[in-house]
């Protein structure tokens, strides 16, 4: 029986480490140049990129302050959800590690929408000097190609 407890404890530590690394990468993704450029460009037309919904969201009020507030709320929602999910996975030890692997694989590799691919392969993430009209045109082109 002590072997079973030791196995669970080792799995708990490995799962905890993997979940902390995943949480670190989620936090770090908000600071990536691509996300920063995308958010800055979308703010010009009163929109933000929601990391929790993985979609472009319209902000009520169209002001920069409202956009920054919406980005902050989205970040908090994403981090809270990730932390809650991670804490449930850590408790399940080795099984939680497997579930985390499947989750990361599906969300970050397999479950990206066409719109997300279009946005992250567009000038919205590479060029921070786009005008309001250019951003609006790029978004309307992407919407029409759905």
Protein backbone atom coordinates (compact mmCIF):
# COMPACT_ATOMS: atom_id res chain seq x y z
CA UNK A 1 0.00 0.00 0.00
CA UNK A 2 2.82 2.50 0.60
CA UNK A 3 3.82 2.02 -3.05
CA UNK A 4 0.39 3.18 -4.14
CA UNK A 5 0.62 6.28 -1.95
CA UNK A 6 4.12 7.02 -3.21
CA UNK A 7 2.96 6.62 -6.82
CA UNK A 8 0.05 8.99 -6.21
CA UNK A 9 2.34 11.53 -4.54
CA UNK A 10 4.87 11.43 -7.38
CA UNK A 11 2.04 11.79 -9.89
CA UNK A 12 0.67 14.70 -7.85
CA UNK A 13 4.05 16.48 -8.00
CA UNK A 14 4.51 15.82 -11.72
CA UNK A 15 0.94 16.96 -12.45
CA UNK A 16 1.41 20.06 -10.28
CA UNK A 17 4.60 20.96 -12.13
CA UNK A 18 3.01 20.45 -15.56
CA UNK A 19 -0.01 22.52 -14.58
CA UNK A 20 2.15 25.36 -13.24
CA UNK A 21 4.13 25.36 -16.49
CA UNK A 22 0.86 25.48 -18.45
CA UNK A 23 -0.38 28.38 -16.30
CA UNK A 24 2.94 30.18 -16.84
CA UNK A 25 2.58 29.86 -20.62
CA UNK A 26 -1.00 31.14 -20.48
CA UNK A 27 0.17 34.22 -18.55
CA UNK A 28 3.12 34.66 -20.90
CA UNK A 29 0.89 34.47 -23.98
CA UNK A 30 -0.73 37.78 -23.00
CA UNK A 31 2.68 39.42 -23.27
CA UNK A 32 3.58 38.06 -26.71
CA UNK A 33 4.23 40.67 -29.41
CA UNK A 34 1.61 39.09 -31.67
CA UNK A 35 -1.15 39.42 -29.06
CA UNK A 36 -0.07 42.96 -28.14
CA UNK A 37 -0.12 44.05 -31.81
CA UNK A 38 -3.45 42.32 -32.37
CA UNK A 39 -5.04 43.96 -29.32
CA UNK A 40 -3.67 47.39 -30.28
CA UNK A 41 -4.99 47.07 -33.82
CA UNK A 42 -8.40 45.78 -32.76
CA UNK A 43 -8.78 48.59 -30.22
CA UNK A 44 -8.77 51.03 -33.14
CA UNK A 45 -12.17 49.67 -34.22
CA UNK A 46 -13.56 49.02 -30.74
CA UNK A 47 -12.84 45.29 -30.61
CA UNK A 48 -10.56 42.96 -28.67
CA UNK A 49 -9.22 39.44 -29.09
CA UNK A 50 -10.75 37.32 -26.34
CA UNK A 51 -8.37 34.61 -25.17
CA UNK A 52 -11.15 32.89 -23.25
CA UNK A 53 -13.46 32.70 -26.30
CA UNK A 54 -10.65 32.64 -28.89
CA UNK A 55 -12.59 35.12 -31.01
CA UNK A 56 -12.87 38.81 -31.82
CA UNK A 57 -15.30 40.50 -29.45
CA UNK A 58 -16.95 43.91 -29.81
CA UNK A 59 -16.49 46.26 -26.86
CA UNK A 60 -19.38 48.44 -25.75
CA UNK A 61 -18.37 52.08 -25.79
CA UNK A 62 -15.61 51.95 -28.44
CA UNK A 63 -13.13 53.79 -26.21
CA UNK A 64 -9.59 52.69 -25.45
CA UNK A 65 -10.39 52.60 -21.73
CA UNK A 66 -13.31 50.24 -22.33
CA UNK A 67 -11.11 48.03 -24.51
CA UNK A 68 -8.39 47.90 -21.86
CA UNK A 69 -10.98 47.07 -19.21
CA UNK A 70 -12.43 44.30 -21.42
CA UNK A 71 -8.93 42.88 -22.04
CA UNK A 72 -8.26 42.89 -18.29
CA UNK A 73 -11.57 41.16 -17.54
CA UNK A 74 -10.92 38.58 -20.25
CA UNK A 75 -7.43 37.94 -18.87
CA UNK A 76 -8.82 37.48 -15.35
CA UNK A 77 -11.53 35.12 -16.63
CA UNK A 78 -8.97 33.08 -18.59
CA UNK A 79 -6.52 32.85 -15.69
CA UNK A 80 -9.26 31.99 -13.20
CA UNK A 81 -10.59 29.24 -15.48
CA UNK A 82 -7.12 27.87 -16.14
CA UNK A 83 -6.25 27.88 -12.43
CA UNK A 84 -9.52 26.15 -11.49
CA UNK A 85 -9.11 23.53 -14.20
CA UNK A 86 -5.48 22.98 -13.21
CA UNK A 87 -6.32 22.57 -9.54
CA UNK A 88 -8.85 19.86 -10.42
CA UNK A 89 -6.29 18.10 -12.59
CA UNK A 90 -3.56 18.18 -9.95
CA UNK A 91 -5.76 16.33 -7.48
CA UNK A 92 -6.24 13.46 -9.93
CA UNK A 93 -2.47 12.85 -10.11
CA UNK A 94 -1.34 10.83 -13.15
CA UNK A 95 -4.80 10.87 -14.71
CA UNK A 96 -4.79 14.68 -14.43
CA UNK A 97 -1.47 14.78 -16.25
CA UNK A 98 -2.96 12.76 -19.11
CA UNK A 99 -6.04 15.01 -19.22
CA UNK A 100 -3.83 18.11 -19.26
CA UNK A 101 -1.87 16.69 -22.18
CA UNK A 102 -5.07 16.01 -24.10
CA UNK A 103 -6.43 19.47 -23.25
CA UNK A 104 -3.28 21.29 -24.36
CA UNK A 105 -3.10 19.23 -27.55
CA UNK A 106 -6.74 19.83 -28.43
CA UNK A 107 -7.00 23.51 -27.52
CA UNK A 108 -3.64 24.73 -28.73
CA UNK A 109 -3.18 22.50 -31.77
CA UNK A 110 -6.38 20.88 -33.03
CA UNK A 111 -9.28 23.15 -32.12
CA UNK A 112 -8.25 26.40 -33.79
CA UNK A 113 -10.95 27.89 -35.95
CA UNK A 114 -10.37 29.10 -39.49
CA UNK A 115 -10.97 32.64 -38.31
CA UNK A 116 -8.24 32.27 -35.68
CA UNK A 117 -5.82 30.97 -38.30
CA UNK A 118 -6.69 33.88 -40.59
CA UNK A 119 -6.22 36.46 -37.85
CA UNK A 120 -2.88 35.11 -36.65
CA UNK A 121 -1.58 34.87 -40.22
CA UNK A 122 -2.67 38.41 -41.10
CA UNK A 123 -1.13 41.85 -40.83
CA UNK A 124 -3.15 42.44 -37.67
CA UNK A 125 -0.49 40.63 -35.63
CA UNK A 126 2.60 41.71 -37.55
CA UNK A 127 2.01 45.39 -38.31
CA UNK A 128 1.30 47.75 -35.44
CA UNK A 129 1.05 50.79 -37.72
CA UNK A 130 -2.26 49.92 -39.39
CA UNK A 131 -4.87 52.64 -39.66
CA UNK A 132 -8.42 52.29 -38.41
CA UNK A 133 -9.68 51.81 -41.97
CA UNK A 134 -7.10 49.12 -42.74
CA UNK A 135 -8.04 47.20 -39.61
CA UNK A 136 -11.75 47.47 -40.45
CA UNK A 137 -11.10 46.28 -44.03
CA UNK A 138 -9.00 43.32 -42.88
CA UNK A 139 -11.67 42.26 -40.40
CA UNK A 140 -14.48 42.58 -42.95
CA UNK A 141 -12.48 40.52 -45.46
CA UNK A 142 -11.95 37.80 -42.89
CA UNK A 143 -15.62 37.84 -41.91
CA UNK A 144 -16.71 37.52 -45.52
CA UNK A 145 -14.45 34.48 -46.08
CA UNK A 146 -16.07 32.45 -43.28
